[in-house]
Amino acid sequence: MSNPYETNYGYEKSSREQTCHCGAVFHVSVPGQKGHEEPEEYYCPECHCEYKARASMSPTVTLISGRTDGKTGSC
């Protein structure tokens, strides 16, 4: 049986730490809402490399530690 709260209101679908190929580590919080999930983009806060997740809106990204590859450009 479906939870009406999940259908009417958003919830945190997942939360994780992710390491980009540039070496930056960031926290990703993926929002969910039943029936409203689409592929959503989010970006590394250091090199702007694009990632995707199924979510109800764009995931929230918080930088934990900066890039370690010694570069300054984009992905």
PDB file of N, CA and C in Angstrom:
ATOM      1  N   MET A   1       0.836  -1.167   0.000  1.00  0.00           N
ATOM      2  CA  MET A   1       0.000   0.000   0.000  1.00  0.00           C
ATOM      3  C   MET A   1       0.893   1.247   0.000  1.00  0.00           C
ATOM      4  N   SER A   2       0.501   2.241  -0.748  1.00  0.00           N
ATOM      5  CA  SER A   2       1.256   3.468  -0.894  1.00  0.00           C
ATOM      6  C   SER A   2       1.099   4.370   0.325  1.00  0.00           C
ATOM      7  N   ASN A   3       2.179   5.053   0.668  1.00  0.00           N
ATOM      8  CA  ASN A   3       2.159   5.996   1.772  1.00  0.00           C
ATOM      9  C   ASN A   3       1.681   7.343   1.237  1.00  0.00           C
ATOM     10  N   PRO A   4       0.522   7.875   1.696  1.00  0.00           N
ATOM     11  CA  PRO A   4       0.015   9.139   1.166  1.00  0.00           C
ATOM     12  C   PRO A   4       0.944  10.316   1.441  1.00  0.00           C
ATOM     13  N   TYR A   5       1.716  10.254   2.514  1.00  0.00           N
ATOM     14  CA  TYR A   5       2.658  11.329   2.815  1.00  0.00           C
ATOM     15  C   TYR A   5       3.713  11.432   1.719  1.00  0.00           C
ATOM     16  N   GLU A   6       4.240  10.295   1.276  1.00  0.00           N
ATOM     17  CA  GLU A   6       5.260  10.284   0.225  1.00  0.00           C
ATOM     18  C   GLU A   6       4.701  10.776  -1.103  1.00  0.00           C
ATOM     19  N   THR A   7       3.419  10.541  -1.351  1.00  0.00           N
ATOM     20  CA  THR A   7       2.791  10.969  -2.596  1.00  0.00           C
ATOM     21  C   THR A   7       2.579  12.475  -2.612  1.00  0.00           C
ATOM     22  N   ASN A   8       2.184  13.046  -1.486  1.00  0.00           N
ATOM     23  CA  ASN A   8       1.851  14.467  -1.419  1.00  0.00           C
ATOM     24  C   ASN A   8       3.020  15.362  -1.052  1.00  0.00           C
ATOM     25  N   TYR A   9       4.012  14.825  -0.371  1.00  0.00           N
ATOM     26  CA  TYR A   9       5.126  15.636   0.111  1.00  0.00           C
ATOM     27  C   TYR A   9       6.446  14.999  -0.291  1.00  0.00           C
ATOM     28  N   GLY A  10       7.457  15.829  -0.417  1.00  0.00           N
ATOM     29  CA  GLY A  10       8.780  15.318  -0.760  1.00  0.00           C
ATOM     30  C   GLY A  10       9.472  14.689   0.441  1.00  0.00           C
ATOM     31  N   TYR A  11      10.484  13.934   0.164  1.00  0.00           N
ATOM     32  CA  TYR A  11      11.293  13.277   1.190  1.00  0.00           C
ATOM     33  C   TYR A  11      12.710  13.140   0.647  1.00  0.00           C
ATOM     34  N   GLU A  12      13.669  12.875   1.506  1.00  0.00           N
ATOM     35  CA  GLU A  12      15.039  12.647   1.058  1.00  0.00           C
ATOM     36  C   GLU A  12      15.148  11.206   0.583  1.00  0.00           C
ATOM     37  N   LYS A  13      15.307  11.046  -0.720  1.00  0.00           N
ATOM     38  CA  LYS A  13      15.382   9.717  -1.330  1.00  0.00           C
ATOM     39  C   LYS A  13      16.716   9.045  -1.017  1.00  0.00           C
ATOM     40  N   SER A  14      17.795   9.806  -1.099  1.00  0.00           N
ATOM     41  CA  SER A  14      19.117   9.272  -0.761  1.00  0.00           C
ATOM     42  C   SER A  14      20.051  10.418  -0.398  1.00  0.00           C
ATOM     43  N   SER A  15      21.111  10.055   0.274  1.00  0.00           N
ATOM     44  CA  SER A  15      22.120  11.009   0.699  1.00  0.00           C
ATOM     45  C   SER A  15      23.451  10.270   0.678  1.00  0.00           C
ATOM     46  N   ARG A  16      24.465  10.893   0.072  1.00  0.00           N
ATOM     47  CA  ARG A  16      25.743  10.193  -0.048  1.00  0.00           C
ATOM     48  C   ARG A  16      26.887  11.175  -0.251  1.00  0.00           C
ATOM     49  N   GLU A  17      28.095  10.690  -0.001  1.00  0.00           N
ATOM     50  CA  GLU A  17      29.302  11.415  -0.365  1.00  0.00           C
ATOM     51  C   GLU A  17      29.754  10.887  -1.713  1.00  0.00           C
ATOM     52  N   GLN A  18      30.222  11.787  -2.561  1.00  0.00           N
ATOM     53  CA  GLN A  18      30.671  11.398  -3.892  1.00  0.00           C
ATOM     54  C   GLN A  18      32.012  12.040  -4.174  1.00  0.00           C
ATOM     55  N   THR A  19      32.895  11.309  -4.855  1.00  0.00           N
ATOM     56  CA  THR A  19      34.187  11.836  -5.267  1.00  0.00           C
ATOM     57  C   THR A  19      34.180  11.986  -6.778  1.00  0.00           C
ATOM     58  N   CYS A  20      34.500  13.180  -7.240  1.00  0.00           N
ATOM     59  CA  CYS A  20      34.557  13.471  -8.670  1.00  0.00           C
ATOM     60  C   CYS A  20      35.913  13.035  -9.220  1.00  0.00           C
ATOM     61  N   HIS A  21      36.013  12.915 -10.536  1.00  0.00           N
ATOM     62  CA  HIS A  21      37.294  12.563 -11.151  1.00  0.00           C
ATOM     63  C   HIS A  21      38.368  13.620 -10.909  1.00  0.00           C
ATOM     64  N   CYS A  22      37.957  14.865 -10.555  1.00  0.00           N
ATOM     65  CA  CYS A  22      38.939  15.927 -10.265  1.00  0.00           C
ATOM     66  C   CYS A  22      39.486  15.811  -8.845  1.00  0.00           C
ATOM     67  N   GLY A  23      38.919  14.923  -8.052  1.00  0.00           N
ATOM     68  CA  GLY A  23      39.372  14.713  -6.687  1.00  0.00           C
ATOM     69  C   GLY A  23      38.522  15.393  -5.632  1.00  0.00           C
ATOM     70  N   ALA A  24      37.611  16.263  -6.042  1.00  0.00           N
ATOM     71  CA  ALA A  24      36.729  16.939  -5.087  1.00  0.00           C
ATOM     72  C   ALA A  24      35.776  15.923  -4.454  1.00  0.00           C
ATOM     73  N   VAL A  25      35.499  16.125  -3.180  1.00  0.00           N
ATOM     74  CA  VAL A  25      34.542  15.286  -2.469  1.00  0.00           C
ATOM     75  C   VAL A  25      33.373  16.181  -2.084  1.00  0.00           C
ATOM     76  N   PHE A  26      32.152  15.722  -2.378  1.00  0.00           N
ATOM     77  CA  PHE A  26      30.977  16.517  -2.051  1.00  0.00           C
ATOM     78  C   PHE A  26      29.841  15.625  -1.572  1.00  0.00           C
ATOM     79  N   HIS A  27      28.925  16.222  -0.821  1.00  0.00           N
ATOM     80  CA  HIS A  27      27.749  15.529  -0.299  1.00  0.00           C
ATOM     81  C   HIS A  27      26.591  15.808  -1.244  1.00  0.00           C
ATOM     82  N   VAL A  28      25.851  14.763  -1.611  1.00  0.00           N
ATOM     83  CA  VAL A  28      24.707  14.886  -2.507  1.00  0.00           C
ATOM     84  C   VAL A  28      23.459  14.430  -1.761  1.00  0.00           C
ATOM     85  N   SER A  29      22.438  15.287  -1.731  1.00  0.00           N
ATOM     86  CA  SER A  29      21.149  14.951  -1.139  1.00  0.00           C
ATOM     87  C   SER A  29      20.120  14.930  -2.265  1.00  0.00           C
ATOM     88  N   VAL A  30      19.523  13.752  -2.506  1.00  0.00           N
ATOM     89  CA  VAL A  30      18.599  13.565  -3.618  1.00  0.00           C
ATOM     90  C   VAL A  30      17.160  13.588  -3.096  1.00  0.00           C
ATOM     91  N   PRO A  31      16.351  14.588  -3.528  1.00  0.00           N
ATOM     92  CA  PRO A  31      14.964  14.654  -3.083  1.00  0.00           C
ATOM     93  C   PRO A  31      14.071  13.718  -3.896  1.00  0.00           C
ATOM     94  N   GLY A  32      13.049  13.204  -3.273  1.00  0.00           N
ATOM     95  CA  GLY A  32      12.106  12.340  -3.959  1.00  0.00           C
ATOM     96  C   GLY A  32      10.674  12.750  -3.680  1.00  0.00           C
ATOM     97  N   GLN A  33       9.786  12.365  -4.567  1.00  0.00           N
ATOM     98  CA  GLN A  33       8.350  12.509  -4.371  1.00  0.00           C
ATOM     99  C   GLN A  33       7.692  11.537  -5.328  1.00  0.00           C
ATOM    100  N   LYS A  34       6.929  10.604  -4.792  1.00  0.00           N
ATOM    101  CA  LYS A  34       6.311   9.575  -5.629  1.00  0.00           C
ATOM    102  C   LYS A  34       5.562  10.184  -6.801  1.00  0.00           C
ATOM    103  N   GLY A  35       5.832   9.651  -7.983  1.00  0.00           N
ATOM    104  CA  GLY A  35       5.154  10.098  -9.186  1.00  0.00           C
ATOM    105  C   GLY A  35       5.737  11.351  -9.813  1.00  0.00           C
ATOM    106  N   HIS A  36       6.766  11.918  -9.209  1.00  0.00           N
ATOM    107  CA  HIS A  36       7.340  13.162  -9.717  1.00  0.00           C
ATOM    108  C   HIS A  36       8.840  13.057  -9.933  1.00  0.00           C
ATOM    109  N   GLU A  37       9.351  11.870 -10.171  1.00  0.00           N
ATOM    110  CA  GLU A  37      10.788  11.704 -10.322  1.00  0.00           C
ATOM    111  C   GLU A  37      11.168  11.607 -11.793  1.00  0.00           C
ATOM    112  N   GLU A  38      12.158  12.406 -12.158  1.00  0.00           N
ATOM    113  CA  GLU A  38      12.691  12.496 -13.511  1.00  0.00           C
ATOM    114  C   GLU A  38      14.212  12.484 -13.416  1.00  0.00           C
ATOM    115  N   PRO A  39      14.912  12.262 -14.519  1.00  0.00           N
ATOM    116  CA  PRO A  39      16.367  12.430 -14.487  1.00  0.00           C
ATOM    117  C   PRO A  39      16.698  13.906 -14.218  1.00  0.00           C
ATOM    118  N   GLU A  40      17.451  14.174 -13.186  1.00  0.00           N
ATOM    119  CA  GLU A  40      17.831  15.544 -12.810  1.00  0.00           C
ATOM    120  C   GLU A  40      19.354  15.639 -12.782  1.00  0.00           C
ATOM    121  N   GLU A  41      19.872  16.762 -13.232  1.00  0.00           N
ATOM    122  CA  GLU A  41      21.316  16.981 -13.248  1.00  0.00           C
ATOM    123  C   GLU A  41      21.778  17.627 -11.945  1.00  0.00           C
ATOM    124  N   TYR A  42      23.018  17.320 -11.586  1.00  0.00           N
ATOM    125  CA  TYR A  42      23.708  18.051 -10.535  1.00  0.00           C
ATOM    126  C   TYR A  42      25.170  18.091 -10.939  1.00  0.00           C
ATOM    127  N   TYR A  43      25.930  19.019 -10.345  1.00  0.00           N
ATOM    128  CA  TYR A  43      27.275  19.288 -10.828  1.00  0.00           C
ATOM    129  C   TYR A  43      28.293  19.291  -9.699  1.00  0.00           C
ATOM    130  N   CYS A  44      29.501  18.866 -10.025  1.00  0.00           N
ATOM    131  CA  CYS A  44      30.622  18.972  -9.091  1.00  0.00           C
ATOM    132  C   CYS A  44      30.834  20.461  -8.811  1.00  0.00           C
ATOM    133  N   PRO A  45      30.899  20.864  -7.548  1.00  0.00           N
ATOM    134  CA  PRO A  45      31.063  22.283  -7.247  1.00  0.00           C
ATOM    135  C   PRO A  45      32.448  22.844  -7.605  1.00  0.00           C
ATOM    136  N   GLU A  46      33.407  21.998  -7.912  1.00  0.00           N
ATOM    137  CA  GLU A  46      34.753  22.458  -8.241  1.00  0.00           C
ATOM    138  C   GLU A  46      35.005  22.528  -9.747  1.00  0.00           C
ATOM    139  N   CYS A  47      34.702  21.461 -10.495  1.00  0.00           N
ATOM    140  CA  CYS A  47      35.009  21.446 -11.932  1.00  0.00           C
ATOM    141  C   CYS A  47      33.753  21.482 -12.809  1.00  0.00           C
ATOM    142  N   HIS A  48      32.587  21.455 -12.186  1.00  0.00           N
ATOM    143  CA  HIS A  48      31.294  21.548 -12.874  1.00  0.00           C
ATOM    144  C   HIS A  48      30.990  20.360 -13.780  1.00  0.00           C
ATOM    145  N   CYS A  49      31.596  19.220 -13.504  1.00  0.00           N
ATOM    146  CA  CYS A  49      31.298  17.992 -14.234  1.00  0.00           C
ATOM    147  C   CYS A  49      29.844  17.602 -13.917  1.00  0.00           C
ATOM    148  N   GLU A  50      29.105  17.180 -14.924  1.00  0.00           N
ATOM    149  CA  GLU A  50      27.686  16.865 -14.762  1.00  0.00           C
ATOM    150  C   GLU A  50      27.454  15.416 -14.341  1.00  0.00           C
ATOM    151  N   TYR A  51      26.529  15.232 -13.410  1.00  0.00           N
ATOM    152  CA  TYR A  51      26.061  13.917 -12.971  1.00  0.00           C
ATOM    153  C   TYR A  51      24.546  13.928 -13.027  1.00  0.00           C
ATOM    154  N   LYS A  52      23.929  12.758 -13.003  1.00  0.00           N
ATOM    155  CA  LYS A  52      22.467  12.663 -13.033  1.00  0.00           C
ATOM    156  C   LYS A  52      21.963  11.716 -11.961  1.00  0.00           C
ATOM    157  N   ALA A  53      20.748  11.996 -11.513  1.00  0.00           N
ATOM    158  CA  ALA A  53      20.062  11.129 -10.547  1.00  0.00           C
ATOM    159  C   ALA A  53      18.563  11.240 -10.805  1.00  0.00           C
ATOM    160  N   ARG A  54      17.828  10.176 -10.524  1.00  0.00           N
ATOM    161  CA  ARG A  54      16.366  10.259 -10.602  1.00  0.00           C
ATOM    162  C   ARG A  54      15.889  10.934  -9.329  1.00  0.00           C
ATOM    163  N   ALA A  55      15.224  12.077  -9.497  1.00  0.00           N
ATOM    164  CA  ALA A  55      14.809  12.867  -8.349  1.00  0.00           C
ATOM    165  C   ALA A  55      13.582  13.698  -8.703  1.00  0.00           C
ATOM    166  N   SER A  56      12.936  14.268  -7.678  1.00  0.00           N
ATOM    167  CA  SER A  56      11.766  15.111  -7.913  1.00  0.00           C
ATOM    168  C   SER A  56      12.169  16.540  -8.289  1.00  0.00           C
ATOM    169  N   MET A  57      13.391  16.943  -7.955  1.00  0.00           N
ATOM    170  CA  MET A  57      13.979  18.212  -8.384  1.00  0.00           C
ATOM    171  C   MET A  57      15.490  18.090  -8.243  1.00  0.00           C
ATOM    172  N   SER A  58      16.223  19.112  -8.622  1.00  0.00           N
ATOM    173  CA  SER A  58      17.686  19.024  -8.623  1.00  0.00           C
ATOM    174  C   SER A  58      18.239  18.669  -7.247  1.00  0.00           C
ATOM    175  N   PRO A  59      19.160  17.709  -7.179  1.00  0.00           N
ATOM    176  CA  PRO A  59      19.800  17.367  -5.912  1.00  0.00           C
ATOM    177  C   PRO A  59      20.597  18.546  -5.346  1.00  0.00           C
ATOM    178  N   THR A  60      20.742  18.572  -4.038  1.00  0.00           N
ATOM    179  CA  THR A  60      21.531  19.584  -3.347  1.00  0.00           C
ATOM    180  C   THR A  60      22.952  19.059  -3.185  1.00  0.00           C
ATOM    181  N   VAL A  61      23.933  19.897  -3.533  1.00  0.00           N
ATOM    182  CA  VAL A  61      25.341  19.508  -3.475  1.00  0.00           C
ATOM    183  C   VAL A  61      26.080  20.445  -2.522  1.00  0.00           C
ATOM    184  N   THR A  62      26.867  19.873  -1.608  1.00  0.00           N
ATOM    185  CA  THR A  62      27.663  20.642  -0.667  1.00  0.00           C
ATOM    186  C   THR A  62      29.109  20.159  -0.727  1.00  0.00           C
ATOM    187  N   LEU A  63      30.030  21.056  -0.985  1.00  0.00           N
ATOM    188  CA  LEU A  63      31.446  20.706  -1.088  1.00  0.00           C
ATOM    189  C   LEU A  63      32.006  20.313   0.277  1.00  0.00           C
ATOM    190  N   ILE A  64      32.711  19.192   0.315  1.00  0.00           N
ATOM    191  CA  ILE A  64      33.375  18.730   1.535  1.00  0.00           C
ATOM    192  C   ILE A  64      34.864  19.056   1.460  1.00  0.00           C
ATOM    193  N   SER A  65      35.504  18.701   0.335  1.00  0.00           N
ATOM    194  CA  SER A  65      36.914  19.048   0.141  1.00  0.00           C
ATOM    195  C   SER A  65      37.162  19.334  -1.341  1.00  0.00           C
ATOM    196  N   GLY A  66      38.037  20.284  -1.605  1.00  0.00           N
ATOM    197  CA  GLY A  66      38.295  20.751  -2.967  1.00  0.00           C
ATOM    198  C   GLY A  66      39.018  19.754  -3.845  1.00  0.00           C
ATOM    199  N   ARG A  67      39.146  20.139  -5.082  1.00  0.00           N
ATOM    200  CA  ARG A  67      39.784  19.278  -6.083  1.00  0.00           C
ATOM    201  C   ARG A  67      41.260  19.080  -5.753  1.00  0.00           C
ATOM    202  N   THR A  68      41.784  17.948  -6.218  1.00  0.00           N
ATOM    203  CA  THR A  68      43.164  17.593  -5.931  1.00  0.00           C
ATOM    204  C   THR A  68      43.995  17.352  -7.188  1.00  0.00           C
ATOM    205  N   ASP A  69      43.400  17.582  -8.363  1.00  0.00           N
ATOM    206  CA  ASP A  69      44.111  17.294  -9.611  1.00  0.00           C
ATOM    207  C   ASP A  69      45.037  18.426 -10.053  1.00  0.00           C
ATOM    208  N   GLY A  70      45.048  19.543  -9.334  1.00  0.00           N
ATOM    209  CA  GLY A  70      45.944  20.648  -9.672  1.00  0.00           C
ATOM    210  C   GLY A  70      45.497  21.499 -10.831  1.00  0.00           C
ATOM    211  N   LYS A  71      44.342  21.223 -11.406  1.00  0.00           N
ATOM    212  CA  LYS A  71      43.836  21.992 -12.544  1.00  0.00           C
ATOM    213  C   LYS A  71      42.860  23.057 -12.057  1.00  0.00           C
ATOM    214  N   THR A  72      42.505  23.982 -12.942  1.00  0.00           N
ATOM    215  CA  THR A  72      41.561  25.013 -12.585  1.00  0.00           C
ATOM    216  C   THR A  72      40.368  25.090 -13.537  1.00  0.00           C
ATOM    217  N   GLY A  73      40.393  24.361 -14.631  1.00  0.00           N
ATOM    218  CA  GLY A  73      39.339  24.429 -15.638  1.00  0.00           C
ATOM    219  C   GLY A  73      38.144  23.555 -15.327  1.00  0.00           C
ATOM    220  N   SER A  74      37.222  23.563 -16.257  1.00  0.00           N
ATOM    221  CA  SER A  74      36.009  22.745 -16.138  1.00  0.00           C
ATOM    222  C   SER A  74      36.280  21.319 -16.573  1.00  0.00           C
ATOM    223  N   CYS A  75      35.324  20.489 -16.371  1.00  0.00           N
ATOM    224  CA  CYS A  75      35.327  19.059 -16.664  1.00  0.00           C
ATOM    225  C   CYS A  75      35.882  18.716 -18.025  1.00  0.00           C
TER     226      CYS A  75
END
